[in-house]
Amino acid sequence: MSNQIAIRDCIECVRGKSSINGNPSYIFTFDDKTTVKTEANAGWVYGLYSCFHYENKRITFKYVIRRGKEIMTDFIDADPIIIVDSEGAERYTQVAQDKFDEISGDIDSILVNNGVRK
């Protein structure tokens, strides 16, 4: 079982159950609907940030396949999901744009509810 490297667009990250030894785990879901769980009892997992740091980002990680499932064995990097169009303008993927629109709507609602006008 050798490590492979993957670069995928993360759409969701959740904290998984802690191991029997009390160590944390995370489950990443990607835009192709695959999920990858961090390996159990791995010290590097303590170095991960909160899940929101990885959502809507392109992440690079190492993994192995165990019992037919991909298990993350090391985290390498996370970059914003952006695409540069033919004219050189940055465009976000649809998943990132939808999340931005959702957050913008939430902010607008908060402002209106607190009497702030646009």
Protein backbone atom coordinates (compact mmCIF):
# COMPACT_ATOMS: atom_id res chain seq x y z
CA MET A 1 0.00 0.00 0.00
CA SER A 2 1.96 2.98 -1.23
CA ASN A 3 0.89 6.57 -0.74
CA GLN A 4 -0.69 8.35 -3.66
CA ILE A 5 -1.18 12.11 -4.00
CA ALA A 6 -4.55 13.64 -4.83
CA ILE A 7 -5.66 17.18 -5.59
CA ARG A 8 -9.41 17.62 -5.14
CA ASP A 9 -12.00 20.34 -4.54
CA CYS A 10 -13.41 20.03 -1.01
CA ILE A 11 -17.08 20.92 -0.64
CA GLU A 12 -17.55 19.72 2.94
CA CYS A 13 -15.44 18.82 5.95
CA VAL A 14 -16.83 17.39 9.18
CA ARG A 15 -15.21 16.30 12.40
CA GLY A 16 -15.51 12.54 12.66
CA LYS A 17 -15.72 10.40 15.76
CA SER A 18 -12.62 10.32 17.90
CA SER A 19 -10.70 7.05 17.88
CA ILE A 20 -10.87 4.62 20.78
CA ASN A 21 -7.69 6.36 22.00
CA GLY A 22 -9.43 9.76 21.90
CA ASN A 23 -7.65 11.09 18.81
CA PRO A 24 -9.52 13.31 16.33
CA SER A 25 -10.56 12.42 12.79
CA TYR A 26 -11.98 14.40 9.89
CA ILE A 27 -14.07 13.42 6.89
CA PHE A 28 -13.65 15.38 3.66
CA THR A 29 -16.25 15.30 0.88
CA PHE A 30 -15.23 16.38 -2.60
CA ASP A 31 -17.04 17.79 -5.62
CA ASP A 32 -17.01 14.34 -7.25
CA LYS A 33 -18.99 13.08 -4.18
CA THR A 34 -16.12 10.93 -2.88
CA THR A 35 -15.23 11.01 0.80
CA VAL A 36 -11.86 10.57 2.43
CA LYS A 37 -11.32 10.07 6.17
CA THR A 38 -8.11 10.90 7.99
CA GLU A 39 -6.18 7.92 9.28
CA ALA A 40 -6.80 6.86 12.86
CA ASN A 41 -4.43 7.89 15.65
CA ALA A 42 -2.20 10.00 13.39
CA GLY A 43 -0.40 12.86 15.13
CA TRP A 44 -0.50 15.10 12.03
CA VAL A 45 -4.31 15.33 12.32
CA TYR A 46 -3.86 17.56 15.38
CA GLY A 47 -2.27 20.13 13.06
CA LEU A 48 -5.39 20.52 10.93
CA TYR A 49 -7.43 23.71 11.23
CA SER A 50 -11.20 23.85 11.77
CA CYS A 51 -13.22 22.34 8.95
CA PHE A 52 -14.42 25.66 7.50
CA HIS A 53 -10.80 26.36 6.53
CA TYR A 54 -10.92 23.54 3.95
CA GLU A 55 -14.41 23.87 2.50
CA ASN A 56 -14.53 25.33 -1.00
CA LYS A 57 -10.79 24.93 -1.35
CA ARG A 58 -8.64 22.73 -3.52
CA ILE A 59 -6.70 20.49 -1.19
CA THR A 60 -3.66 18.35 -1.84
CA PHE A 61 -3.13 15.26 0.29
CA LYS A 62 -1.57 11.83 0.42
CA TYR A 63 -3.74 8.74 0.73
CA VAL A 64 -3.76 4.96 0.65
CA ILE A 65 -6.57 2.58 -0.18
CA ARG A 66 -7.53 0.27 2.68
CA ARG A 67 -10.47 -2.12 2.44
CA GLY A 68 -11.61 -0.31 -0.69
CA LYS A 69 -11.68 3.14 0.96
CA GLU A 70 -9.34 6.08 0.54
CA ILE A 71 -7.66 7.03 3.83
CA MET A 72 -5.83 10.37 4.09
CA THR A 73 -2.32 9.74 5.41
CA ASP A 74 -0.97 13.30 5.21
CA PHE A 75 -2.26 16.77 4.43
CA ILE A 76 -0.17 18.88 2.06
CA ASP A 77 -1.94 22.14 1.09
CA ALA A 78 -5.22 24.03 0.65
CA ASP A 79 -5.77 26.71 -2.00
CA PRO A 80 -8.87 28.75 -2.86
CA ILE A 81 -10.85 27.26 -5.72
CA ILE A 82 -10.50 29.78 -8.52
CA ILE A 83 -10.43 29.47 -12.26
CA VAL A 84 -8.87 32.04 -14.57
CA ASP A 85 -10.98 32.57 -17.69
CA SER A 86 -9.65 33.21 -21.20
CA GLU A 87 -9.52 36.96 -20.53
CA GLY A 88 -7.43 36.51 -17.39
CA ALA A 89 -10.24 37.28 -14.92
CA GLU A 90 -10.53 35.09 -11.84
CA ARG A 91 -13.75 33.10 -11.59
CA TYR A 92 -14.75 30.87 -8.72
CA THR A 93 -16.16 27.40 -9.23
CA GLN A 94 -19.93 27.11 -8.96
CA VAL A 95 -19.65 25.50 -5.52
CA ALA A 96 -17.54 28.40 -4.23
CA GLN A 97 -19.83 30.97 -5.89
CA ASP A 98 -22.92 29.38 -4.34
CA LYS A 99 -21.29 29.47 -0.89
CA PHE A 100 -20.31 33.13 -1.40
CA ASP A 101 -23.87 34.00 -2.43
CA GLU A 102 -25.24 32.17 0.64
CA ILE A 103 -22.90 34.01 2.99
CA SER A 104 -23.60 37.37 1.32
CA GLY A 105 -27.34 36.80 1.77
CA ASP A 106 -26.82 35.94 5.44
CA ILE A 107 -24.79 39.11 5.98
CA ASP A 108 -27.44 41.21 4.23
CA SER A 109 -30.14 39.71 6.49
CA ILE A 110 -28.11 40.45 9.61
CA LEU A 111 -27.55 44.04 8.52
CA VAL A 112 -31.23 44.61 7.72
CA ASN A 113 -32.33 43.00 11.00
CA ASN A 114 -30.03 45.41 12.85
CA GLY A 115 -31.34 48.48 11.06
CA VAL A 116 -28.41 48.99 8.72
CA ARG A 117 -29.31 50.24 5.24
CA LYS A 118 -27.40 49.40 2.13
